[in-house]
C-alpha atoms as a PDB file:
ATOM      1  CA  MET A   1     -67.988  70.392  55.784  1.00  0.00           C
ATOM      2  CA  PRO A   2     -65.199  68.225  54.271  1.00  0.00           C
ATOM      3  CA  ALA A   3     -64.023  65.161  56.136  1.00  0.00           C
ATOM      4  CA  SER A   4     -60.905  65.686  58.263  1.00  0.00           C
ATOM      5  CA  SER A   5     -57.730  63.893  57.207  1.00  0.00           C
ATOM      6  CA  ASP A   6     -54.966  61.908  58.851  1.00  0.00           C
ATOM      7  CA  SER A   7     -51.254  62.648  58.447  1.00  0.00           C
ATOM      8  CA  SER A   8     -51.217  60.930  55.034  1.00  0.00           C
ATOM      9  CA  GLY A   9     -53.905  63.251  53.675  1.00  0.00           C
ATOM     10  CA  MET A  10     -56.505  60.464  53.541  1.00  0.00           C
ATOM     11  CA  PRO A  11     -59.964  61.231  54.997  1.00  0.00           C
ATOM     12  CA  HIS A  12     -60.417  59.609  58.424  1.00  0.00           C
ATOM     13  CA  THR A  13     -63.439  57.595  57.287  1.00  0.00           C
ATOM     14  CA  LEU A  14     -61.525  56.121  54.365  1.00  0.00           C
ATOM     15  CA  ALA A  15     -58.361  55.583  56.410  1.00  0.00           C
ATOM     16  CA  HIS A  16     -60.425  53.563  58.884  1.00  0.00           C
ATOM     17  CA  THR A  17     -61.867  51.504  56.035  1.00  0.00           C
ATOM     18  CA  LEU A  18     -58.377  50.500  54.886  1.00  0.00           C
ATOM     19  CA  GLN A  19     -56.869  49.758  58.297  1.00  0.00           C
ATOM     20  CA  HIS A  20     -56.315  46.354  59.838  1.00  0.00           C
ATOM     21  CA  TRP A  21     -56.933  44.160  56.804  1.00  0.00           C
ATOM     22  CA  ARG A  22     -55.591  40.771  57.868  1.00  0.00           C
ATOM     23  CA  HIS A  23     -54.196  38.032  55.682  1.00  0.00           C
ATOM     24  CA  GLU A  24     -53.153  34.411  55.886  1.00  0.00           C
ATOM     25  CA  THR A  25     -51.284  32.093  53.560  1.00  0.00           C
ATOM     26  CA  LEU A  26     -53.237  29.392  51.721  1.00  0.00           C
ATOM     27  CA  HIS A  27     -52.135  25.938  50.647  1.00  0.00           C
ATOM     28  CA  PRO A  28     -51.755  25.773  46.836  1.00  0.00           C
ATOM     29  CA  ASP A  29     -54.346  22.960  46.757  1.00  0.00           C
ATOM     30  CA  VAL A  30     -56.857  24.645  49.082  1.00  0.00           C
ATOM     31  CA  HIS A  31     -60.182  22.794  48.892  1.00  0.00           C
ATOM     32  CA  LEU A  32     -63.566  24.536  48.747  1.00  0.00           C
ATOM     33  CA  ILE A  33     -66.633  22.929  50.360  1.00  0.00           C
ATOM     34  CA  VAL A  34     -70.174  24.106  49.587  1.00  0.00           C
ATOM     35  CA  ASN A  35     -72.793  23.626  52.308  1.00  0.00           C
ATOM     36  CA  GLU A  36     -76.451  23.245  51.414  1.00  0.00           C
ATOM     37  CA  SER A  37     -77.984  25.690  53.891  1.00  0.00           C
ATOM     38  CA  GLU A  38     -77.594  29.390  54.636  1.00  0.00           C
ATOM     39  CA  PRO A  39     -78.436  31.408  57.782  1.00  0.00           C
ATOM     40  CA  VAL A  40     -82.085  32.379  58.247  1.00  0.00           C
ATOM     41  CA  LEU A  41     -82.659  36.097  58.850  1.00  0.00           C
ATOM     42  CA  THR A  42     -84.986  37.427  61.520  1.00  0.00           C
ATOM     43  CA  PRO A  43     -87.958  39.447  60.200  1.00  0.00           C
ATOM     44  CA  ASP A  44     -86.396  42.715  61.411  1.00  0.00           C
ATOM     45  CA  VAL A  45     -83.070  42.053  59.695  1.00  0.00           C
ATOM     46  CA  GLU A  46     -84.805  40.834  56.529  1.00  0.00           C
ATOM     47  CA  GLN A  47     -86.805  44.052  56.418  1.00  0.00           C
ATOM     48  CA  ARG A  48     -83.649  46.144  56.796  1.00  0.00           C
ATOM     49  CA  VAL A  49     -81.824  44.153  54.088  1.00  0.00           C
ATOM     50  CA  GLN A  50     -84.709  44.626  51.678  1.00  0.00           C
ATOM     51  CA  ALA A  51     -84.927  48.346  52.394  1.00  0.00           C
ATOM     52  CA  ILE A  52     -81.217  48.822  51.609  1.00  0.00           C
ATOM     53  CA  TRP A  53     -81.585  46.738  48.454  1.00  0.00           C
ATOM     54  CA  ASP A  54     -84.617  48.727  47.281  1.00  0.00           C
ATOM     55  CA  ASP A  55     -82.775  52.017  47.816  1.00  0.00           C
ATOM     56  CA  ALA A  56     -79.751  50.730  45.905  1.00  0.00           C
ATOM     57  CA  CYS A  57     -81.889  49.511  43.002  1.00  0.00           C
ATOM     58  CA  ALA A  58     -83.642  52.851  42.796  1.00  0.00           C
ATOM     59  CA  SER A  59     -80.336  54.540  41.938  1.00  0.00           C
ATOM     60  CA  ARG A  60     -78.795  51.563  40.083  1.00  0.00           C
ATOM     61  CA  PRO A  61     -81.620  49.731  38.275  1.00  0.00           C
ATOM     62  CA  ARG A  62     -79.216  47.239  36.670  1.00  0.00           C
ATOM     63  CA  LEU A  63     -78.215  45.671  40.014  1.00  0.00           C
ATOM     64  CA  PHE A  64     -78.663  41.895  39.914  1.00  0.00           C
ATOM     65  CA  ASN A  65     -79.490  39.820  42.975  1.00  0.00           C
ATOM     66  CA  GLY A  66     -77.435  36.776  41.991  1.00  0.00           C
ATOM     67  CA  ARG A  67     -76.117  33.981  44.193  1.00  0.00           C
ATOM     68  CA  ILE A  68     -72.725  34.588  45.786  1.00  0.00           C
ATOM     69  CA  PHE A  69     -70.499  32.450  48.018  1.00  0.00           C
ATOM     70  CA  CYS A  70     -69.970  33.351  51.674  1.00  0.00           C
ATOM     71  CA  MET A  71     -67.255  31.766  53.803  1.00  0.00           C
ATOM     72  CA  GLU A  72     -68.037  30.188  57.174  1.00  0.00           C
ATOM     73  CA  THR A  73     -64.649  28.714  58.091  1.00  0.00           C
ATOM     74  CA  ILE A  74     -61.176  28.920  56.599  1.00  0.00           C
ATOM     75  CA  THR A  75     -57.895  27.105  57.125  1.00  0.00           C
ATOM     76  CA  PRO A  76     -54.873  27.037  54.805  1.00  0.00           C
ATOM     77  CA  GLU A  77     -56.184  23.734  53.393  1.00  0.00           C
ATOM     78  CA  ARG A  78     -59.956  24.302  53.320  1.00  0.00           C
ATOM     79  CA  ILE A  79     -62.586  27.007  52.772  1.00  0.00           C
ATOM     80  CA  GLN A  80     -66.152  26.120  53.716  1.00  0.00           C
ATOM     81  CA  GLY A  81     -69.286  28.172  53.116  1.00  0.00           C
ATOM     82  CA  TYR A  82     -72.655  28.569  51.424  1.00  0.00           C
ATOM     83  CA  TRP A  83     -74.465  30.358  48.613  1.00  0.00           C
ATOM     84  CA  THR A  84     -76.656  33.354  49.425  1.00  0.00           C
ATOM     85  CA  GLU A  85     -78.218  36.379  47.740  1.00  0.00           C
ATOM     86  CA  TYR A  86     -76.074  39.332  46.716  1.00  0.00           C
ATOM     87  CA  ARG A  87     -78.515  41.724  48.364  1.00  0.00           C
ATOM     88  CA  ARG A  88     -77.345  40.476  51.771  1.00  0.00           C
ATOM     89  CA  ALA A  89     -73.742  41.329  50.957  1.00  0.00           C
ATOM     90  CA  LEU A  90     -74.717  44.740  49.625  1.00  0.00           C
ATOM     91  CA  ALA A  91     -76.688  45.415  52.806  1.00  0.00           C
ATOM     92  CA  GLN A  92     -73.627  44.612  54.896  1.00  0.00           C
ATOM     93  CA  MET A  93     -71.453  46.936  52.800  1.00  0.00           C
ATOM     94  CA  ALA A  94     -73.963  49.703  53.528  1.00  0.00           C
ATOM     95  CA  ASP A  95     -74.347  48.758  57.214  1.00  0.00           C
ATOM     96  CA  PRO A  96     -71.462  46.609  58.537  1.00  0.00           C
ATOM     97  CA  THR A  97     -73.352  45.936  61.803  1.00  0.00           C
ATOM     98  CA  ILE A  98     -76.532  44.621  60.178  1.00  0.00           C
ATOM     99  CA  PHE A  99     -75.825  40.943  61.005  1.00  0.00           C
ATOM    100  CA  GLY A 100     -74.463  41.586  64.494  1.00  0.00           C
ATOM    101  CA  ASP A 101     -71.837  39.136  65.723  1.00  0.00           C
ATOM    102  CA  THR A 102     -72.144  36.872  62.672  1.00  0.00           C
ATOM    103  CA  PRO A 103     -71.252  39.015  59.649  1.00  0.00           C
ATOM    104  CA  LEU A 104     -71.204  37.638  56.134  1.00  0.00           C
ATOM    105  CA  HIS A 105     -67.748  36.831  54.806  1.00  0.00           C
ATOM    106  CA  GLN A 106     -68.371  37.371  51.104  1.00  0.00           C
ATOM    107  CA  LEU A 107     -65.722  35.493  49.102  1.00  0.00           C
ATOM    108  CA  ALA A 108     -63.955  37.219  46.213  1.00  0.00           C
ATOM    109  CA  VAL A 109     -61.058  36.474  43.896  1.00  0.00           C
ATOM    110  CA  CYS A 110     -58.284  38.971  43.213  1.00  0.00           C
ATOM    111  CA  GLY A 111     -55.660  38.323  40.568  1.00  0.00           C
ATOM    112  CA  LEU A 112     -52.126  39.611  40.209  1.00  0.00           C
ATOM    113  CA  LEU A 113     -51.638  39.666  36.442  1.00  0.00           C
ATOM    114  CA  ARG A 114     -48.128  39.765  35.005  1.00  0.00           C
ATOM    115  CA  CYS A 115     -47.802  40.654  31.319  1.00  0.00           C
ATOM    116  CA  ALA A 116     -44.659  40.980  29.193  1.00  0.00           C
ATOM    117  CA  GLU A 117     -43.673  44.345  30.736  1.00  0.00           C
ATOM    118  CA  GLY A 118     -44.717  43.849  34.357  1.00  0.00           C
ATOM    119  CA  ILE A 119     -47.744  43.843  36.681  1.00  0.00           C
ATOM    120  CA  VAL A 120     -51.073  45.162  35.369  1.00  0.00           C
ATOM    121  CA  LEU A 121     -53.068  47.453  37.667  1.00  0.00           C
ATOM    122  CA  GLY A 122     -56.484  49.011  37.134  1.00  0.00           C
ATOM    123  CA  ARG A 123     -58.132  52.019  38.741  1.00  0.00           C
ATOM    124  CA  ARG A 124     -61.602  51.154  39.986  1.00  0.00           C
ATOM    125  CA  ASN A 125     -64.212  53.308  38.337  1.00  0.00           C
ATOM    126  CA  PRO A 126     -64.960  56.288  40.620  1.00  0.00           C
ATOM    127  CA  SER A 127     -68.673  55.416  40.355  1.00  0.00           C
ATOM    128  CA  SER A 128     -68.102  51.954  41.902  1.00  0.00           C
ATOM    129  CA  LEU A 129     -70.206  51.049  44.929  1.00  0.00           C
ATOM    130  CA  TYR A 130     -67.047  50.093  46.845  1.00  0.00           C
ATOM    131  CA  LEU A 131     -63.528  51.595  46.814  1.00  0.00           C
ATOM    132  CA  GLY A 132     -64.141  53.700  43.717  1.00  0.00           C
ATOM    133  CA  GLY A 133     -61.015  55.487  42.475  1.00  0.00           C
ATOM    134  CA  PHE A 134     -58.613  53.015  44.087  1.00  0.00           C
ATOM    135  CA  TRP A 135     -55.995  51.041  42.179  1.00  0.00           C
ATOM    136  CA  GLN A 136     -56.400  47.281  42.228  1.00  0.00           C
ATOM    137  CA  SER A 137     -54.762  44.280  40.581  1.00  0.00           C
ATOM    138  CA  PRO A 138     -57.350  43.006  38.089  1.00  0.00           C
ATOM    139  CA  PRO A 139     -59.206  40.848  37.558  1.00  0.00           C
ATOM    140  CA  ALA A 140     -61.099  40.889  40.831  1.00  0.00           C
ATOM    141  CA  GLY A 141     -64.674  40.169  41.807  1.00  0.00           C
ATOM    142  CA  THR A 142     -67.205  38.388  43.945  1.00  0.00           C
ATOM    143  CA  VAL A 143     -67.371  34.586  43.707  1.00  0.00           C
ATOM    144  CA  GLU A 144     -70.665  33.995  41.896  1.00  0.00           C
ATOM    145  CA  MET A 145     -72.673  30.856  41.260  1.00  0.00           C
ATOM    146  CA  ARG A 146     -71.795  29.534  37.825  1.00  0.00           C
ATOM    147  CA  GLY A 147     -73.644  26.385  36.871  1.00  0.00           C
ATOM    148  CA  ASP A 148     -75.457  24.284  39.464  1.00  0.00           C
ATOM    149  CA  GLY A 149     -73.402  25.570  42.417  1.00  0.00           C
ATOM    150  CA  LEU A 150     -72.633  22.081  43.741  1.00  0.00           C
ATOM    151  CA  SER A 151     -68.920  22.605  43.198  1.00  0.00           C
ATOM    152  CA  LEU A 152     -66.727  25.677  43.134  1.00  0.00           C
ATOM    153  CA  SER A 153     -63.541  26.343  41.163  1.00  0.00           C
ATOM    154  CA  LEU A 154     -61.393  29.375  41.927  1.00  0.00           C
ATOM    155  CA  THR A 155     -59.725  28.963  38.529  1.00  0.00           C
ATOM    156  CA  GLU A 156     -63.076  29.194  36.742  1.00  0.00           C
ATOM    157  CA  GLN A 157     -64.015  32.225  38.835  1.00  0.00           C
ATOM    158  CA  ILE A 158     -60.829  34.182  38.112  1.00  0.00           C
ATOM    159  CA  LEU A 159     -60.950  33.321  34.402  1.00  0.00           C
ATOM    160  CA  ALA A 160     -64.540  34.546  34.199  1.00  0.00           C
ATOM    161  CA  GLU A 161     -63.514  37.809  35.872  1.00  0.00           C
ATOM    162  CA  ALA A 162     -60.554  38.158  33.483  1.00  0.00           C
ATOM    163  CA  GLU A 163     -62.900  37.977  30.506  1.00  0.00           C
ATOM    164  CA  GLU A 164     -65.482  40.324  32.002  1.00  0.00           C
ATOM    165  CA  GLU A 165     -63.093  42.967  33.330  1.00  0.00           C
ATOM    166  CA  LEU A 166     -60.140  42.774  30.910  1.00  0.00           C
ATOM    167  CA  GLY A 167     -61.473  41.053  27.798  1.00  0.00           C
ATOM    168  CA  LEU A 168     -58.898  38.267  28.199  1.00  0.00           C
ATOM    169  CA  THR A 169     -59.971  34.693  27.446  1.00  0.00           C
ATOM    170  CA  GLN A 170     -58.683  31.461  28.943  1.00  0.00           C
ATOM    171  CA  HIS A 171     -56.340  31.221  25.944  1.00  0.00           C
ATOM    172  CA  ASP A 172     -54.700  34.515  26.926  1.00  0.00           C
ATOM    173  CA  VAL A 173     -54.099  33.747  30.615  1.00  0.00           C
ATOM    174  CA  SER A 174     -52.520  31.039  32.740  1.00  0.00           C
ATOM    175  CA  VAL A 175     -53.680  30.729  36.347  1.00  0.00           C
ATOM    176  CA  GLY A 176     -51.398  29.981  39.290  1.00  0.00           C
ATOM    177  CA  SER A 177     -52.245  28.517  42.690  1.00  0.00           C
ATOM    178  CA  PRO A 178     -54.035  30.591  45.351  1.00  0.00           C
ATOM    179  CA  ARG A 179     -51.538  32.376  47.582  1.00  0.00           C
ATOM    180  CA  LEU A 180     -53.416  34.048  50.399  1.00  0.00           C
ATOM    181  CA  ALA A 181     -56.732  35.154  51.862  1.00  0.00           C
ATOM    182  CA  VAL A 182     -57.158  38.828  52.774  1.00  0.00           C
ATOM    183  CA  THR A 183     -60.077  39.978  54.939  1.00  0.00           C
ATOM    184  CA  HIS A 184     -61.380  43.537  54.570  1.00  0.00           C
ATOM    185  CA  SER A 185     -61.662  45.150  57.991  1.00  0.00           C
ATOM    186  CA  ARG A 186     -64.973  46.981  57.537  1.00  0.00           C
ATOM    187  CA  THR A 187     -66.980  44.814  55.156  1.00  0.00           C
ATOM    188  CA  ALA A 188     -65.558  41.361  56.098  1.00  0.00           C
ATOM    189  CA  ILE A 189     -65.113  40.512  52.400  1.00  0.00           C
ATOM    190  CA  VAL A 190     -62.445  37.820  51.948  1.00  0.00           C
ATOM    191  CA  ASP A 191     -60.221  38.162  48.868  1.00  0.00           C
ATOM    192  CA  ILE A 192     -58.436  35.065  47.566  1.00  0.00           C
ATOM    193  CA  GLY A 193     -55.213  36.262  45.924  1.00  0.00           C
ATOM    194  CA  ILE A 194     -54.294  34.341  42.753  1.00  0.00           C
ATOM    195  CA  PRO A 195     -51.296  34.988  40.453  1.00  0.00           C
ATOM    196  CA  LEU A 196     -51.940  35.140  36.700  1.00  0.00           C
ATOM    197  CA  MET A 197     -49.636  35.348  33.690  1.00  0.00           C
ATOM    198  CA  THR A 198     -50.121  36.353  30.063  1.00  0.00           C
ATOM    199  CA  PRO A 199     -47.563  36.373  27.243  1.00  0.00           C
ATOM    200  CA  LEU A 200     -49.302  39.428  25.792  1.00  0.00           C
ATOM    201  CA  SER A 201     -47.766  42.884  25.833  1.00  0.00           C
ATOM    202  CA  PHE A 202     -49.414  45.570  27.923  1.00  0.00           C
ATOM    203  CA  THR A 203     -50.474  47.272  24.686  1.00  0.00           C
ATOM    204  CA  SER A 204     -52.356  44.122  23.642  1.00  0.00           C
ATOM    205  CA  VAL A 205     -53.927  43.735  27.098  1.00  0.00           C
ATOM    206  CA  ARG A 206     -55.091  47.343  26.987  1.00  0.00           C
ATOM    207  CA  GLU A 207     -56.539  46.954  23.490  1.00  0.00           C
ATOM    208  CA  LYS A 208     -58.570  43.914  24.565  1.00  0.00           C
ATOM    209  CA  TRP A 209     -59.711  45.781  27.674  1.00  0.00           C
ATOM    210  CA  LEU A 210     -60.862  48.782  25.646  1.00  0.00           C
ATOM    211  CA  SER A 211     -62.724  46.708  23.051  1.00  0.00           C
ATOM    212  CA  ARG A 212     -64.241  43.874  25.113  1.00  0.00           C
ATOM    213  CA  ALA A 213     -64.370  44.578  28.845  1.00  0.00           C
ATOM    214  CA  ASN A 214     -66.955  46.077  31.169  1.00  0.00           C
ATOM    215  CA  LYS A 215     -66.439  49.414  32.938  1.00  0.00           C
ATOM    216  CA  GLU A 216     -65.094  48.099  36.250  1.00  0.00           C
ATOM    217  CA  TYR A 217     -61.878  50.091  35.703  1.00  0.00           C
ATOM    218  CA  ASP A 218     -61.461  53.487  34.069  1.00  0.00           C
ATOM    219  CA  GLN A 219     -57.671  53.244  33.680  1.00  0.00           C
ATOM    220  CA  LEU A 220     -55.063  50.518  33.274  1.00  0.00           C
ATOM    221  CA  ALA A 221     -51.355  50.825  34.061  1.00  0.00           C
ATOM    222  CA  VAL A 222     -48.349  48.531  34.005  1.00  0.00           C
ATOM    223  CA  ILE A 223     -45.606  48.655  36.633  1.00  0.00           C
ATOM    224  CA  SER A 224     -42.160  47.172  36.208  1.00  0.00           C
ATOM    225  CA  ASP A 225     -40.457  45.251  38.997  1.00  0.00           C
ATOM    226  CA  ASP A 226     -38.414  48.289  40.033  1.00  0.00           C
ATOM    227  CA  GLN A 227     -41.615  50.305  40.517  1.00  0.00           C
ATOM    228  CA  ILE A 228     -43.356  47.786  42.788  1.00  0.00           C
ATOM    229  CA  GLY A 229     -41.828  49.184  45.982  1.00  0.00           C
ATOM    230  CA  ASN A 230     -43.258  52.653  45.340  1.00  0.00           C
ATOM    231  CA  TRP A 231     -46.726  51.276  44.563  1.00  0.00           C
ATOM    232  CA  ARG A 232     -46.769  49.281  47.801  1.00  0.00           C
ATOM    233  CA  LEU A 233     -46.529  52.557  49.744  1.00  0.00           C
ATOM    234  CA  ARG A 234     -49.317  54.415  47.967  1.00  0.00           C
ATOM    235  CA  ASN A 235     -52.491  55.290  49.841  1.00  0.00           C
ATOM    236  CA  ASP A 236     -54.710  54.754  46.797  1.00  0.00           C
ATOM    237  CA  VAL A 237     -53.946  51.036  46.340  1.00  0.00           C
ATOM    238  CA  VAL A 238     -56.433  48.428  47.625  1.00  0.00           C
ATOM    239  CA  PRO A 239     -54.676  46.599  50.511  1.00  0.00           C
ATOM    240  CA  THR A 240     -55.142  43.164  48.924  1.00  0.00           C
ATOM    241  CA  THR A 241     -53.120  44.347  45.937  1.00  0.00           C
ATOM    242  CA  GLY A 242     -50.452  45.823  48.201  1.00  0.00           C
ATOM    243  CA  ILE A 243     -50.123  42.509  50.029  1.00  0.00           C
ATOM    244  CA  LEU A 244     -49.972  40.567  46.756  1.00  0.00           C
ATOM    245  CA  LEU A 245     -47.242  42.899  45.490  1.00  0.00           C
ATOM    246  CA  ASN A 246     -45.230  41.935  48.565  1.00  0.00           C
ATOM    247  CA  THR A 247     -45.261  38.310  47.345  1.00  0.00           C
ATOM    248  CA  THR A 248     -43.666  39.068  43.975  1.00  0.00           C
END
């Protein structure tokens, strides 16, 4: 039986997923602090996490259990957290209640890239584990450990995502200051919204994406300033992107 829909035509389960995302403004010089320890899981929770991870790997053998950053506290001036295994975050995406009253707040970066013709958007590959088929402002991705993990640079993170997802190098893109933090209502992921600019045309961006990038997105589009209002109202746009479009 198909899922029932709300008045917008969106399935109830998906509509719930996209409701109540909250956001707060960040200071341009927000400071990130890395703690040395991470929460210890009880044996029961550890067993459940591993079971979810094993099931996911069975269908997606290329999954990698790398180290990702999870936020503990956030203020406009400071974000504090710790490194942990990706399998914990994946387990929480599958079962948002798995960690009870202390969910993981997986940190991610989400760019808003302006090229010569306007804002670049990408449609998440329908096969994605999370929000497949939705339009997002690339590059975007989980904050991963790069190097020794003792320090953390949002600029380095967003540039790495730009190269992986769009094929754009640090010579193609200039990075602005972080603007806001957006918390996903169901998964507790926290997106850090960061403006980006490139002098390249959309045609050049698309060519680099087609020849160099991974398969995170199956389509790219460019929207001019007079189209932004219509895109803000669409039901198939990731809320973080909709909020970032409101800041343009």
